């Protein structure tokens, strides 16, 4: 006769197993959306289960209506064109998540970094193609060297992120640090940096015909223009190599 305690343990074990499997099925679906082809061996190793378990998981996804294509001897993929309904993030909201990712990966707690990285991968997987491409561009054009918590000193980061990824000319009123004089510039946003608590814009300044750094807290007015500019054919690392800026 099974005791009440043992029955409780069995129920808890079943719940844990079901929760673990549901989590794995969700993760497999995410992987299928982010990669062209996945093998059962790769999935088994990634999730620490047997290949036979992966076979059962794939069948379960197929039975739930997910159109999985099986290529004999190669692996699994999603039917071309199939996508889960996209997460209803605006591009600005997606950019905010990418910005948070840049800050969080500098955190000294490895568990926080790991969990956020996993979460952001799932979010990226269901973004619309254009939004995902723009967030990848933004991620490659942002650098965070410190993570100080300070009072907000600027309000233009989100607008500049959109201008950067969509290659929109931007008109700014900029206050010079020495004289306090305000000049109007038309710039081509290239990169965004965070250092010592301040956000900096790297942009090609049409007034000075060269790359310049602009502190966002010294921008008194900003307008993203409809006119586009030709993207600069270099990476952020190449920019650092070509200039004396750290």
Protein backbone atom coordinates (compact mmCIF):
# COMPACT_ATOMS: atom_id res chain seq x y z
CA UNK A 1 0.00 0.00 0.00
CA UNK A 2 1.38 3.39 -0.99
CA UNK A 3 1.55 5.88 1.87
CA UNK A 4 0.06 9.40 1.59
CA UNK A 5 3.58 10.85 1.72
CA UNK A 6 4.77 8.67 -1.17
CA UNK A 7 1.68 9.57 -3.19
CA UNK A 8 2.46 13.24 -2.62
CA UNK A 9 6.03 12.72 -3.77
CA UNK A 10 4.83 10.94 -6.91
CA UNK A 11 2.41 13.76 -7.75
CA UNK A 12 5.11 16.38 -7.21
CA UNK A 13 7.49 14.40 -9.40
CA UNK A 14 4.89 14.19 -12.17
CA UNK A 15 4.26 17.95 -11.97
CA UNK A 16 7.99 18.66 -12.08
CA UNK A 17 8.40 16.37 -15.10
CA UNK A 18 5.49 17.99 -16.93
CA UNK A 19 6.82 21.48 -16.18
CA UNK A 20 10.29 20.47 -17.34
CA UNK A 21 8.93 19.00 -20.56
CA UNK A 22 6.75 22.02 -21.30
CA UNK A 23 9.77 24.26 -20.81
CA UNK A 24 11.84 22.04 -23.13
CA UNK A 25 9.13 21.98 -25.83
CA UNK A 26 8.96 25.77 -25.75
CA UNK A 27 12.75 25.99 -25.98
CA UNK A 28 12.86 23.52 -28.91
CA UNK A 29 10.27 25.62 -30.76
CA UNK A 30 12.37 28.72 -30.12
CA UNK A 31 15.46 26.93 -31.47
CA UNK A 32 13.56 25.87 -34.59
CA UNK A 33 12.62 29.50 -35.24
CA UNK A 34 16.17 30.78 -34.88
CA UNK A 35 18.05 28.11 -36.89
CA UNK A 36 17.58 26.64 -40.36
CA UNK A 37 18.14 22.98 -39.44
CA UNK A 38 18.50 21.14 -36.13
CA UNK A 39 19.52 17.56 -35.52
CA UNK A 40 18.09 15.35 -32.80
CA UNK A 41 21.63 14.83 -31.47
CA UNK A 42 22.17 18.58 -31.12
CA UNK A 43 18.85 19.00 -29.30
CA UNK A 44 19.51 16.04 -27.02
CA UNK A 45 22.89 17.42 -26.01
CA UNK A 46 21.55 20.94 -25.55
CA UNK A 47 18.74 19.89 -23.22
CA UNK A 48 20.49 16.98 -21.52
CA UNK A 49 18.03 14.29 -22.58
CA UNK A 50 18.14 11.22 -24.82
CA UNK A 51 17.62 11.30 -28.56
CA UNK A 52 14.54 9.12 -28.02
CA UNK A 53 13.09 11.85 -25.79
CA UNK A 54 13.69 14.41 -28.53
CA UNK A 55 11.81 12.16 -30.98
CA UNK A 56 8.83 12.17 -28.60
CA UNK A 57 9.06 15.94 -28.16
CA UNK A 58 9.05 16.51 -31.92
CA UNK A 59 5.99 14.26 -32.28
CA UNK A 60 4.25 16.21 -29.51
CA UNK A 61 4.92 19.51 -31.29
CA UNK A 62 3.66 18.06 -34.58
CA UNK A 63 0.49 16.80 -32.89
CA UNK A 64 -0.12 20.27 -31.47
CA UNK A 65 -0.14 21.70 -34.99
CA UNK A 66 3.45 22.92 -35.44
CA UNK A 67 4.46 22.18 -39.08
CA UNK A 68 7.87 20.55 -38.61
CA UNK A 69 9.70 19.28 -41.68
CA UNK A 70 11.86 16.20 -41.16
CA UNK A 71 14.76 15.78 -43.56
CA UNK A 72 16.03 12.22 -43.32
CA UNK A 73 19.63 12.08 -42.18
CA UNK A 74 19.77 15.86 -41.76
CA UNK A 75 17.39 17.08 -39.09
CA UNK A 76 14.34 19.19 -38.39
CA UNK A 77 13.17 22.59 -39.58
CA UNK A 78 9.99 24.62 -39.57
CA UNK A 79 7.85 24.79 -42.68
CA UNK A 80 8.97 27.79 -44.75
CA UNK A 81 6.96 30.87 -43.83
CA UNK A 82 5.64 29.49 -40.54
CA UNK A 83 6.02 31.79 -37.58
CA UNK A 84 4.42 32.10 -34.20
CA UNK A 85 2.43 35.33 -33.89
CA UNK A 86 5.07 38.05 -33.35
CA UNK A 87 5.46 39.58 -29.94
CA UNK A 88 3.80 42.97 -30.13
CA UNK A 89 6.90 45.04 -29.41
CA UNK A 90 7.42 48.33 -31.18
CA UNK A 91 10.94 48.88 -32.49
CA UNK A 92 11.58 51.37 -29.67
CA UNK A 93 10.53 48.78 -27.09
CA UNK A 94 12.78 46.16 -28.71
CA UNK A 95 15.64 48.68 -28.68
CA UNK A 96 15.08 49.27 -24.96
CA UNK A 97 15.50 45.53 -24.36
CA UNK A 98 18.73 45.49 -26.41
CA UNK A 99 20.00 48.47 -24.40
CA UNK A 100 19.19 46.67 -21.16
CA UNK A 101 21.04 43.62 -22.47
CA UNK A 102 24.18 45.72 -23.01
CA UNK A 103 24.00 46.94 -19.43
CA UNK A 104 23.09 43.63 -17.81
CA UNK A 105 25.92 41.65 -19.45
CA UNK A 106 28.30 43.93 -17.50
CA UNK A 107 26.75 42.77 -14.23
CA UNK A 108 29.01 40.81 -11.91
CA UNK A 109 26.34 38.24 -11.11
CA UNK A 110 26.74 35.42 -13.63
CA UNK A 111 23.28 33.97 -12.96
CA UNK A 112 21.56 37.26 -13.85
CA UNK A 113 23.55 37.49 -17.08
CA UNK A 114 22.71 33.87 -17.98
CA UNK A 115 18.97 34.18 -17.33
CA UNK A 116 18.62 37.51 -19.13
CA UNK A 117 20.59 36.23 -22.12
CA UNK A 118 18.27 33.22 -22.39
CA UNK A 119 15.21 35.45 -22.10
CA UNK A 120 16.38 37.94 -24.70
CA UNK A 121 17.12 35.10 -27.17
CA UNK A 122 13.50 33.97 -26.90
CA UNK A 123 12.27 37.51 -27.46
CA UNK A 124 14.52 38.03 -30.48
CA UNK A 125 13.28 34.77 -32.00
CA UNK A 126 9.70 36.03 -32.35
CA UNK A 127 10.38 39.61 -33.42
CA UNK A 128 9.42 40.61 -36.93
CA UNK A 129 12.29 40.16 -39.40
CA UNK A 130 12.86 43.89 -39.95
CA UNK A 131 12.76 44.68 -36.24
CA UNK A 132 15.15 41.82 -35.48
CA UNK A 133 17.60 43.00 -38.14
CA UNK A 134 17.49 46.54 -36.76
CA UNK A 135 18.04 45.39 -33.18
CA UNK A 136 21.06 43.36 -34.32
CA UNK A 137 22.47 46.46 -36.01
CA UNK A 138 21.87 48.52 -32.87
CA UNK A 139 23.49 45.84 -30.70
CA UNK A 140 26.62 46.03 -32.84
CA UNK A 141 26.65 49.82 -32.63
CA UNK A 142 26.36 50.24 -28.84
CA UNK A 143 29.05 49.98 -26.18
CA UNK A 144 28.55 50.16 -22.41
CA UNK A 145 31.70 50.49 -20.32
CA UNK A 146 30.14 51.33 -16.96
CA UNK A 147 26.79 50.84 -15.31
CA UNK A 148 26.22 53.68 -12.91
CA UNK A 149 22.74 54.42 -11.59
CA UNK A 150 22.15 58.14 -11.89
CA UNK A 151 19.26 60.53 -12.40
CA UNK A 152 18.13 60.79 -16.01
CA UNK A 153 19.99 63.57 -17.79
CA UNK A 154 18.72 63.12 -21.37
CA UNK A 155 15.56 62.06 -23.17
CA UNK A 156 16.71 61.38 -26.72
CA UNK A 157 18.24 57.88 -26.60
CA UNK A 158 15.19 56.06 -28.01
CA UNK A 159 14.81 58.53 -30.89
CA UNK A 160 18.51 58.28 -31.76
CA UNK A 161 18.38 54.49 -31.73
CA UNK A 162 15.64 54.57 -34.37
CA UNK A 163 17.51 57.16 -36.40
CA UNK A 164 20.65 55.00 -36.27
CA UNK A 165 19.01 51.77 -37.40
CA UNK A 166 16.84 53.39 -40.07
CA UNK A 167 19.59 55.72 -41.38
CA UNK A 168 17.65 58.95 -40.85
CA UNK A 169 19.42 62.28 -40.85
CA UNK A 170 18.98 63.97 -37.48
CA UNK A 171 18.93 67.66 -36.64
CA UNK A 172 20.19 68.59 -33.18
CA UNK A 173 20.63 71.77 -31.17
CA UNK A 174 23.87 71.18 -29.26
CA UNK A 175 25.24 73.14 -26.33
CA UNK A 176 29.01 73.56 -26.39
CA UNK A 177 30.65 72.53 -23.10
CA UNK A 178 33.04 75.47 -22.88
CA UNK A 179 31.00 78.54 -23.88
CA UNK A 180 27.46 77.26 -23.49
CA UNK A 181 26.74 78.42 -27.04
CA UNK A 182 24.08 76.40 -28.85
CA UNK A 183 24.72 75.38 -32.45
CA UNK A 184 22.47 73.55 -34.86
CA UNK A 185 23.90 70.47 -36.57
CA UNK A 186 22.62 67.91 -39.05
CA UNK A 187 24.23 64.57 -38.24
CA UNK A 188 24.31 60.96 -39.44
CA UNK A 189 23.96 58.77 -36.30
CA UNK A 190 26.54 55.97 -36.32
CA UNK A 191 26.91 54.56 -32.79
CA UNK A 192 25.87 55.05 -29.18
CA UNK A 193 28.24 54.69 -26.22
CA UNK A 194 27.63 54.67 -22.49
CA UNK A 195 30.57 55.67 -20.33
CA UNK A 196 30.71 56.88 -16.75
CA UNK A 197 26.96 57.28 -16.64
CA UNK A 198 26.66 59.43 -19.77
CA UNK A 199 25.32 58.43 -23.19
CA UNK A 200 27.38 59.61 -26.15
CA UNK A 201 26.36 59.76 -29.79
CA UNK A 202 28.98 59.05 -32.45
CA UNK A 203 27.81 60.72 -35.64
CA UNK A 204 29.07 62.15 -38.90
CA UNK A 205 28.62 65.89 -38.53
CA UNK A 206 27.77 67.58 -41.82
CA UNK A 207 28.79 70.95 -40.39
CA UNK A 208 32.31 69.75 -39.47
CA UNK A 209 32.49 67.08 -42.23
CA UNK A 210 33.79 64.44 -39.87
CA UNK A 211 32.86 62.10 -37.04
CA UNK A 212 32.13 63.82 -33.73
CA UNK A 213 31.06 62.79 -30.24
CA UNK A 214 27.94 64.40 -28.76
CA UNK A 215 26.84 64.02 -25.15
CA UNK A 216 23.12 63.40 -25.08
CA UNK A 217 22.64 65.60 -22.01
CA UNK A 218 23.95 68.55 -24.05
CA UNK A 219 21.42 68.07 -26.83
CA UNK A 220 18.72 70.65 -26.14
CA UNK A 221 16.51 69.81 -29.13
CA UNK A 222 16.36 66.90 -31.55
CA UNK A 223 14.38 66.14 -34.70
CA UNK A 224 14.67 62.90 -36.67
CA UNK A 225 14.33 63.88 -40.34
CA UNK A 226 12.64 61.83 -43.04
CA UNK A 227 15.69 62.18 -45.31
CA UNK A 228 17.97 59.13 -45.35
CA UNK A 229 21.76 58.97 -45.42
CA UNK A 230 24.08 56.37 -46.97
CA UNK A 231 25.13 53.83 -44.29
CA UNK A 232 28.78 54.03 -43.26
CA UNK A 233 30.61 50.87 -44.34
CA UNK A 234 32.52 50.11 -41.16
CA UNK A 235 31.99 48.47 -37.79
CA UNK A 236 32.21 50.16 -34.41
CA UNK A 237 35.56 48.44 -33.81
CA UNK A 238 36.88 49.82 -37.09
CA UNK A 239 35.76 53.27 -36.02
CA UNK A 240 37.79 52.96 -32.82
CA UNK A 241 40.80 51.78 -34.80
CA UNK A 242 40.55 54.79 -37.13
CA UNK A 243 40.19 57.39 -34.38
CA UNK A 244 41.89 58.25 -31.13
CA UNK A 245 38.68 57.82 -29.10
CA UNK A 246 38.81 55.04 -26.45
